[in-house]
PDB file of N, CA and C in Angstrom:
ATOM      1  N   MET A   1     102.232  66.976 128.354  1.00  0.00           N
ATOM      2  CA  MET A   1     102.865  68.144 127.782  1.00  0.00           C
ATOM      3  C   MET A   1     104.357  67.864 127.615  1.00  0.00           C
ATOM      4  N   THR A   2     104.921  68.302 126.504  1.00  0.00           N
ATOM      5  CA  THR A   2     106.345  68.076 126.275  1.00  0.00           C
ATOM      6  C   THR A   2     107.157  69.088 127.077  1.00  0.00           C
ATOM      7  N   GLU A   3     108.358  68.680 127.432  1.00  0.00           N
ATOM      8  CA  GLU A   3     109.233  69.560 128.188  1.00  0.00           C
ATOM      9  C   GLU A   3     109.862  70.589 127.264  1.00  0.00           C
ATOM     10  N   ASN A   4     110.153  71.744 127.813  1.00  0.00           N
ATOM     11  CA  ASN A   4     110.832  72.805 127.091  1.00  0.00           C
ATOM     12  C   ASN A   4     112.319  72.670 127.411  1.00  0.00           C
ATOM     13  N   LEU A   5     113.086  72.161 126.445  1.00  0.00           N
ATOM     14  CA  LEU A   5     114.502  71.867 126.681  1.00  0.00           C
ATOM     15  C   LEU A   5     115.400  72.908 126.029  1.00  0.00           C
ATOM     16  N   CYS A   6     116.555  73.119 126.615  1.00  0.00           N
ATOM     17  CA  CYS A   6     117.548  74.051 126.091  1.00  0.00           C
ATOM     18  C   CYS A   6     118.050  73.546 124.730  1.00  0.00           C
ATOM     19  N   ILE A   7     118.241  74.480 123.793  1.00  0.00           N
ATOM     20  CA  ILE A   7     118.696  74.103 122.454  1.00  0.00           C
ATOM     21  C   ILE A   7     120.177  73.729 122.437  1.00  0.00           C
ATOM     22  N   ARG A   8     120.911  74.117 123.476  1.00  0.00           N
ATOM     23  CA  ARG A   8     122.345  73.851 123.505  1.00  0.00           C
ATOM     24  C   ARG A   8     122.702  72.638 124.352  1.00  0.00           C
ATOM     25  N   CYS A   9     122.205  72.600 125.596  1.00  0.00           N
ATOM     26  CA  CYS A   9     122.634  71.535 126.513  1.00  0.00           C
ATOM     27  C   CYS A   9     121.553  70.482 126.770  1.00  0.00           C
ATOM     28  N   GLY A  10     120.304  70.765 126.436  1.00  0.00           N
ATOM     29  CA  GLY A  10     119.237  69.794 126.606  1.00  0.00           C
ATOM     30  C   GLY A  10     118.618  69.768 127.988  1.00  0.00           C
ATOM     31  N   LYS A  11     119.072  70.643 128.888  1.00  0.00           N
ATOM     32  CA  LYS A  11     118.490  70.709 130.233  1.00  0.00           C
ATOM     33  C   LYS A  11     117.110  71.377 130.159  1.00  0.00           C
ATOM     34  N   PRO A  12     116.247  71.106 131.118  1.00  0.00           N
ATOM     35  CA  PRO A  12     114.934  71.768 131.125  1.00  0.00           C
ATOM     36  C   PRO A  12     115.088  73.276 131.302  1.00  0.00           C
ATOM     37  N   ARG A  13     114.285  74.021 130.553  1.00  0.00           N
ATOM     38  CA  ARG A  13     114.298  75.484 130.663  1.00  0.00           C
ATOM     39  C   ARG A  13     113.261  75.913 131.695  1.00  0.00           C
ATOM     40  N   ILE A  14     113.477  77.077 132.293  1.00  0.00           N
ATOM     41  CA  ILE A  14     112.564  77.592 133.305  1.00  0.00           C
ATOM     42  C   ILE A  14     111.988  78.931 132.834  1.00  0.00           C
ATOM     43  N   ALA A  15     110.811  79.267 133.345  1.00  0.00           N
ATOM     44  CA  ALA A  15     110.168  80.536 132.992  1.00  0.00           C
ATOM     45  C   ALA A  15     110.878  81.660 133.733  1.00  0.00           C
ATOM     46  N   ALA A  16     111.432  82.609 132.983  1.00  0.00           N
ATOM     47  CA  ALA A  16     112.133  83.736 133.593  1.00  0.00           C
ATOM     48  C   ALA A  16     111.152  84.858 133.918  1.00  0.00           C
ATOM     49  N   LYS A  17     110.254  85.143 132.986  1.00  0.00           N
ATOM     50  CA  LYS A  17     109.251  86.165 133.262  1.00  0.00           C
ATOM     51  C   LYS A  17     108.049  85.945 132.361  1.00  0.00           C
ATOM     52  N   SER A  18     106.911  86.437 132.822  1.00  0.00           N
ATOM     53  CA  SER A  18     105.661  86.350 132.072  1.00  0.00           C
ATOM     54  C   SER A  18     104.979  87.705 132.118  1.00  0.00           C
ATOM     55  N   TRP A  19     104.276  88.048 131.039  1.00  0.00           N
ATOM     56  CA  TRP A  19     103.531  89.288 131.020  1.00  0.00           C
ATOM     57  C   TRP A  19     102.374  89.159 130.035  1.00  0.00           C
ATOM     58  N   LYS A  20     101.386  90.020 130.220  1.00  0.00           N
ATOM     59  CA  LYS A  20     100.220  90.047 129.340  1.00  0.00           C
ATOM     60  C   LYS A  20     100.234  91.359 128.572  1.00  0.00           C
ATOM     61  N   GLU A  21      99.746  91.283 127.336  1.00  0.00           N
ATOM     62  CA  GLU A  21      99.755  92.447 126.463  1.00  0.00           C
ATOM     63  C   GLU A  21      98.429  92.512 125.728  1.00  0.00           C
ATOM     64  N   LYS A  22      97.840  93.694 125.660  1.00  0.00           N
ATOM     65  CA  LYS A  22      96.605  93.879 124.896  1.00  0.00           C
ATOM     66  C   LYS A  22      96.980  94.202 123.464  1.00  0.00           C
ATOM     67  N   VAL A  23      96.338  93.506 122.527  1.00  0.00           N
ATOM     68  CA  VAL A  23      96.589  93.695 121.112  1.00  0.00           C
ATOM     69  C   VAL A  23      95.266  94.051 120.451  1.00  0.00           C
ATOM     70  N   ILE A  24      95.271  95.127 119.663  1.00  0.00           N
ATOM     71  CA  ILE A  24      94.074  95.534 118.940  1.00  0.00           C
ATOM     72  C   ILE A  24      94.290  95.193 117.467  1.00  0.00           C
ATOM     73  N   TYR A  25      93.386  94.372 116.923  1.00  0.00           N
ATOM     74  CA  TYR A  25      93.478  93.960 115.526  1.00  0.00           C
ATOM     75  C   TYR A  25      92.077  93.943 114.946  1.00  0.00           C
ATOM     76  N   SER A  26      91.871  94.678 113.889  1.00  0.00           N
ATOM     77  CA  SER A  26      90.571  94.775 113.217  1.00  0.00           C
ATOM     78  C   SER A  26      89.467  95.182 114.192  1.00  0.00           C
ATOM     79  N   GLY A  27      89.782  96.105 115.082  1.00  0.00           N
ATOM     80  CA  GLY A  27      88.801  96.597 116.032  1.00  0.00           C
ATOM     81  C   GLY A  27      88.530  95.674 117.206  1.00  0.00           C
ATOM     82  N   MET A  28      89.163  94.526 117.240  1.00  0.00           N
ATOM     83  CA  MET A  28      88.970  93.569 118.329  1.00  0.00           C
ATOM     84  C   MET A  28      90.162  93.660 119.287  1.00  0.00           C
ATOM     85  N   VAL A  29      89.892  93.559 120.573  1.00  0.00           N
ATOM     86  CA  VAL A  29      90.952  93.586 121.580  1.00  0.00           C
ATOM     87  C   VAL A  29      91.180  92.166 122.080  1.00  0.00           C
ATOM     88  N   SER A  30      92.430  91.730 121.998  1.00  0.00           N
ATOM     89  CA  SER A  30      92.805  90.411 122.494  1.00  0.00           C
ATOM     90  C   SER A  30      93.902  90.582 123.534  1.00  0.00           C
ATOM     91  N   VAL A  31      93.938  89.676 124.484  1.00  0.00           N
ATOM     92  CA  VAL A  31      94.997  89.676 125.482  1.00  0.00           C
ATOM     93  C   VAL A  31      95.924  88.508 125.157  1.00  0.00           C
ATOM     94  N   VAL A  32      97.201  88.826 124.966  1.00  0.00           N
ATOM     95  CA  VAL A  32      98.197  87.819 124.629  1.00  0.00           C
ATOM     96  C   VAL A  32      99.131  87.677 125.821  1.00  0.00           C
ATOM     97  N   GLU A  33      99.356  86.439 126.244  1.00  0.00           N
ATOM     98  CA  GLU A  33     100.243  86.179 127.361  1.00  0.00           C
ATOM     99  C   GLU A  33     101.585  85.684 126.826  1.00  0.00           C
ATOM    100  N   HIS A  34     102.656  86.344 127.232  1.00  0.00           N
ATOM    101  CA  HIS A  34     104.012  85.985 126.820  1.00  0.00           C
ATOM    102  C   HIS A  34     104.745  85.364 128.000  1.00  0.00           C
ATOM    103  N   THR A  35     105.566  84.376 127.728  1.00  0.00           N
ATOM    104  CA  THR A  35     106.425  83.785 128.746  1.00  0.00           C
ATOM    105  C   THR A  35     107.813  83.624 128.151  1.00  0.00           C
ATOM    106  N   GLU A  36     108.809  84.146 128.842  1.00  0.00           N
ATOM    107  CA  GLU A  36     110.187  84.035 128.380  1.00  0.00           C
ATOM    108  C   GLU A  36     110.860  82.914 129.164  1.00  0.00           C
ATOM    109  N   TYR A  37     111.382  81.936 128.447  1.00  0.00           N
ATOM    110  CA  TYR A  37     112.052  80.793 129.069  1.00  0.00           C
ATOM    111  C   TYR A  37     113.558  80.915 128.893  1.00  0.00           C
ATOM    112  N   VAL A  38     114.297  80.489 129.893  1.00  0.00           N
ATOM    113  CA  VAL A  38     115.755  80.502 129.846  1.00  0.00           C
ATOM    114  C   VAL A  38     116.278  79.154 130.339  1.00  0.00           C
ATOM    115  N   CYS A  39     117.514  78.859 129.982  1.00  0.00           N
ATOM    116  CA  CYS A  39     118.156  77.625 130.445  1.00  0.00           C
ATOM    117  C   CYS A  39     118.415  77.737 131.943  1.00  0.00           C
ATOM    118  N   SER A  40     118.277  76.635 132.630  1.00  0.00           N
ATOM    119  CA  SER A  40     118.510  76.639 134.077  1.00  0.00           C
ATOM    120  C   SER A  40     119.990  76.812 134.415  1.00  0.00           C
ATOM    121  N   ASP A  41     120.877  76.535 133.457  1.00  0.00           N
ATOM    122  CA  ASP A  41     122.319  76.743 133.628  1.00  0.00           C
ATOM    123  C   ASP A  41     122.667  78.144 133.118  1.00  0.00           C
ATOM    124  N   LYS A  42     123.067  79.039 134.014  1.00  0.00           N
ATOM    125  CA  LYS A  42     123.302  80.438 133.654  1.00  0.00           C
ATOM    126  C   LYS A  42     124.410  80.605 132.621  1.00  0.00           C
ATOM    127  N   GLU A  43     125.480  79.829 132.728  1.00  0.00           N
ATOM    128  CA  GLU A  43     126.580  79.922 131.766  1.00  0.00           C
ATOM    129  C   GLU A  43     126.123  79.484 130.377  1.00  0.00           C
ATOM    130  N   CYS A  44     125.332  78.428 130.327  1.00  0.00           N
ATOM    131  CA  CYS A  44     124.805  77.955 129.050  1.00  0.00           C
ATOM    132  C   CYS A  44     123.883  79.020 128.445  1.00  0.00           C
ATOM    133  N   GLN A  45     123.058  79.650 129.272  1.00  0.00           N
ATOM    134  CA  GLN A  45     122.145  80.679 128.779  1.00  0.00           C
ATOM    135  C   GLN A  45     122.910  81.858 128.189  1.00  0.00           C
ATOM    136  N   LYS A  46     124.031  82.229 128.802  1.00  0.00           N
ATOM    137  CA  LYS A  46     124.853  83.317 128.259  1.00  0.00           C
ATOM    138  C   LYS A  46     125.357  82.961 126.868  1.00  0.00           C
ATOM    139  N   LEU A  47     125.785  81.707 126.701  1.00  0.00           N
ATOM    140  CA  LEU A  47     126.273  81.265 125.387  1.00  0.00           C
ATOM    141  C   LEU A  47     125.142  81.225 124.360  1.00  0.00           C
ATOM    142  N   VAL A  48     123.953  80.800 124.786  1.00  0.00           N
ATOM    143  CA  VAL A  48     122.795  80.766 123.886  1.00  0.00           C
ATOM    144  C   VAL A  48     122.446  82.182 123.442  1.00  0.00           C
ATOM    145  N   GLU A  49     122.416  83.128 124.388  1.00  0.00           N
ATOM    146  CA  GLU A  49     122.101  84.514 124.049  1.00  0.00           C
ATOM    147  C   GLU A  49     123.136  85.104 123.101  1.00  0.00           C
ATOM    148  N   LYS A  50     124.397  84.767 123.311  1.00  0.00           N
ATOM    149  CA  LYS A  50     125.462  85.244 122.426  1.00  0.00           C
ATOM    150  C   LYS A  50     125.259  84.704 121.006  1.00  0.00           C
ATOM    151  N   GLU A  51     124.925  83.433 120.895  1.00  0.00           N
ATOM    152  CA  GLU A  51     124.690  82.813 119.593  1.00  0.00           C
ATOM    153  C   GLU A  51     123.464  83.420 118.910  1.00  0.00           C
ATOM    154  N   LEU A  52     122.387  83.620 119.669  1.00  0.00           N
ATOM    155  CA  LEU A  52     121.177  84.215 119.101  1.00  0.00           C
ATOM    156  C   LEU A  52     121.428  85.652 118.642  1.00  0.00           C
ATOM    157  N   PHE A  53     122.214  86.409 119.414  1.00  0.00           N
ATOM    158  CA  PHE A  53     122.561  87.769 119.026  1.00  0.00           C
ATOM    159  C   PHE A  53     123.357  87.757 117.724  1.00  0.00           C
ATOM    160  N   SER A  54     124.302  86.832 117.614  1.00  0.00           N
ATOM    161  CA  SER A  54     125.109  86.715 116.399  1.00  0.00           C
ATOM    162  C   SER A  54     124.230  86.387 115.191  1.00  0.00           C
ATOM    163  N   ARG A  55     123.286  85.460 115.373  1.00  0.00           N
ATOM    164  CA  ARG A  55     122.368  85.106 114.283  1.00  0.00           C
ATOM    165  C   ARG A  55     121.505  86.294 113.886  1.00  0.00           C
ATOM    166  N   HIS A  56     121.039  87.056 114.894  1.00  0.00           N
ATOM    167  CA  HIS A  56     120.196  88.219 114.619  1.00  0.00           C
ATOM    168  C   HIS A  56     120.982  89.271 113.836  1.00  0.00           C
ATOM    169  N   GLN A  57     122.222  89.521 114.236  1.00  0.00           N
ATOM    170  CA  GLN A  57     123.059  90.493 113.534  1.00  0.00           C
ATOM    171  C   GLN A  57     123.283  90.053 112.085  1.00  0.00           C
ATOM    172  N   ASN A  58     123.508  88.761 111.876  1.00  0.00           N
ATOM    173  CA  ASN A  58     123.715  88.239 110.529  1.00  0.00           C
ATOM    174  C   ASN A  58     122.449  88.413 109.688  1.00  0.00           C
ATOM    175  N   SER A  59     121.289  88.172 110.284  1.00  0.00           N
ATOM    176  CA  SER A  59     120.022  88.346 109.576  1.00  0.00           C
ATOM    177  C   SER A  59     119.821  89.807 109.178  1.00  0.00           C
ATOM    178  N   LEU A  60     120.149  90.725 110.080  1.00  0.00           N
ATOM    179  CA  LEU A  60     120.029  92.148 109.762  1.00  0.00           C
ATOM    180  C   LEU A  60     120.960  92.538 108.621  1.00  0.00           C
ATOM    181  N   LYS A  61     122.172  91.981 108.634  1.00  0.00           N
ATOM    182  CA  LYS A  61     123.143  92.271 107.572  1.00  0.00           C
ATOM    183  C   LYS A  61     122.631  91.755 106.222  1.00  0.00           C
ATOM    184  N   ILE A  62     122.077  90.558 106.217  1.00  0.00           N
ATOM    185  CA  ILE A  62     121.539  89.978 104.982  1.00  0.00           C
ATOM    186  C   ILE A  62     120.350  90.789 104.481  1.00  0.00           C
ATOM    187  N   ALA A  63     119.455  91.188 105.401  1.00  0.00           N
ATOM    188  CA  ALA A  63     118.285  91.979 105.018  1.00  0.00           C
ATOM    189  C   ALA A  63     118.715  93.334 104.448  1.00  0.00           C
ATOM    190  N   GLY A  64     119.735  93.945 105.042  1.00  0.00           N
ATOM    191  CA  GLY A  64     120.246  95.220 104.531  1.00  0.00           C
ATOM    192  C   GLY A  64     120.828  95.073 103.140  1.00  0.00           C
ATOM    193  N   ALA A  65     121.568  94.000 102.907  1.00  0.00           N
ATOM    194  CA  ALA A  65     122.143  93.756 101.584  1.00  0.00           C
ATOM    195  C   ALA A  65     121.045  93.510 100.555  1.00  0.00           C
ATOM    196  N   LYS A  66     119.994  92.795 100.952  1.00  0.00           N
ATOM    197  CA  LYS A  66     118.877  92.540 100.042  1.00  0.00           C
ATOM    198  C   LYS A  66     118.186  93.840  99.674  1.00  0.00           C
ATOM    199  N   LEU A  67     117.955  94.690 100.662  1.00  0.00           N
ATOM    200  CA  LEU A  67     117.318  95.974 100.408  1.00  0.00           C
ATOM    201  C   LEU A  67     118.166  96.829  99.475  1.00  0.00           C
ATOM    202  N   ALA A  68     119.473  96.814  99.687  1.00  0.00           N
ATOM    203  CA  ALA A  68     120.383  97.576  98.816  1.00  0.00           C
ATOM    204  C   ALA A  68     120.324  97.051  97.380  1.00  0.00           C
ATOM    205  N   ARG A  69     120.283  95.725  97.215  1.00  0.00           N
ATOM    206  CA  ARG A  69     120.185  95.148  95.867  1.00  0.00           C
ATOM    207  C   ARG A  69     118.872  95.542  95.201  1.00  0.00           C
ATOM    208  N   GLU A  70     117.774  95.508  95.974  1.00  0.00           N
ATOM    209  CA  GLU A  70     116.471  95.883  95.416  1.00  0.00           C
ATOM    210  C   GLU A  70     116.464  97.344  94.990  1.00  0.00           C
ATOM    211  N   MET A  71     117.041  98.206  95.804  1.00  0.00           N
ATOM    212  CA  MET A  71     117.086  99.631  95.459  1.00  0.00           C
ATOM    213  C   MET A  71     117.946  99.866  94.221  1.00  0.00           C
ATOM    214  N   ASP A  72     119.081  99.182  94.115  1.00  0.00           N
ATOM    215  CA  ASP A  72     119.922  99.293  92.919  1.00  0.00           C
ATOM    216  C   ASP A  72     119.166  98.835  91.680  1.00  0.00           C
ATOM    217  N   HIS A  73     118.424  97.735  91.818  1.00  0.00           N
ATOM    218  CA  HIS A  73     117.659  97.218  90.691  1.00  0.00           C
ATOM    219  C   HIS A  73     116.591  98.227  90.260  1.00  0.00           C
ATOM    220  N   LYS A  74     115.868  98.788  91.221  1.00  0.00           N
ATOM    221  CA  LYS A  74     114.838  99.782  90.897  1.00  0.00           C
ATOM    222  C   LYS A  74     115.455 101.016  90.248  1.00  0.00           C
ATOM    223  N   ARG A  75     116.605 101.446  90.755  1.00  0.00           N
ATOM    224  CA  ARG A  75     117.285 102.604  90.190  1.00  0.00           C
ATOM    225  C   ARG A  75     117.691 102.327  88.739  1.00  0.00           C
ATOM    226  N   LYS A  76     118.180 101.130  88.455  1.00  0.00           N
ATOM    227  CA  LYS A  76     118.568 100.771  87.087  1.00  0.00           C
ATOM    228  C   LYS A  76     117.353 100.725  86.173  1.00  0.00           C
ATOM    229  N   MET A  77     116.230 100.210  86.682  1.00  0.00           N
ATOM    230  CA  MET A  77     115.010 100.137  85.866  1.00  0.00           C
ATOM    231  C   MET A  77     114.511 101.540  85.540  1.00  0.00           C
ATOM    232  N   VAL A  78     114.561 102.452  86.480  1.00  0.00           N
ATOM    233  CA  VAL A  78     114.146 103.842  86.237  1.00  0.00           C
ATOM    234  C   VAL A  78     115.075 104.473  85.217  1.00  0.00           C
ATOM    235  N   ASP A  79     116.369 104.244  85.349  1.00  0.00           N
ATOM    236  CA  ASP A  79     117.336 104.798  84.391  1.00  0.00           C
ATOM    237  C   ASP A  79     117.069 104.273  82.984  1.00  0.00           C
ATOM    238  N   LEU A  80     116.726 102.980  82.871  1.00  0.00           N
ATOM    239  CA  LEU A  80     116.425 102.407  81.554  1.00  0.00           C
ATOM    240  C   LEU A  80     115.164 103.030  80.972  1.00  0.00           C
ATOM    241  N   ARG A  81     114.139 103.219  81.797  1.00  0.00           N
ATOM    242  CA  ARG A  81     112.899 103.834  81.307  1.00  0.00           C
ATOM    243  C   ARG A  81     113.126 105.271  80.893  1.00  0.00           C
ATOM    244  N   LEU A  82     113.921 105.996  81.637  1.00  0.00           N
ATOM    245  CA  LEU A  82     114.209 107.384  81.281  1.00  0.00           C
ATOM    246  C   LEU A  82     115.019 107.466  79.990  1.00  0.00           C
ATOM    247  N   ALA A  83     115.936 106.517  79.816  1.00  0.00           N
ATOM    248  CA  ALA A  83     116.741 106.494  78.595  1.00  0.00           C
ATOM    249  C   ALA A  83     115.858 106.207  77.385  1.00  0.00           C
ATOM    250  N   LYS A  84     114.855 105.324  77.508  1.00  0.00           N
ATOM    251  CA  LYS A  84     113.954 105.015  76.401  1.00  0.00           C
ATOM    252  C   LYS A  84     113.065 106.203  76.075  1.00  0.00           C
ATOM    253  N   SER A  85     112.577 106.891  77.095  1.00  0.00           N
ATOM    254  CA  SER A  85     111.637 107.994  76.864  1.00  0.00           C
ATOM    255  C   SER A  85     112.325 109.220  76.316  1.00  0.00           C
ATOM    256  N   SER A  86     113.636 109.362  76.486  1.00  0.00           N
ATOM    257  CA  SER A  86     114.343 110.541  75.997  1.00  0.00           C
ATOM    258  C   SER A  86     114.760 110.398  74.544  1.00  0.00           C
ATOM    259  N   ARG A  87     114.526 109.264  73.937  1.00  0.00           N
ATOM    260  CA  ARG A  87     114.922 109.057  72.533  1.00  0.00           C
ATOM    261  C   ARG A  87     114.007 109.737  71.589  1.00  0.00           C
TER     262      ARG A  87
END
């Protein structure tokens, strides 16, 4: 089995917590086991979490801008159709 290494410092990561969750999909019940791994160096883990949070915020900002562009495009298409039908 390959080792689970930190993305920043390369040290081995350790399991911080594990839990099981029941998932219902198409009438079938499955049990999914989750394990959260963290860097063994606490300071490094804080920096990793900060970087991941920053990336997540950036992704949300990009997704919001995309949604706004799509809504503007749909609004313009409706306006064009209404302008054609009113002639």
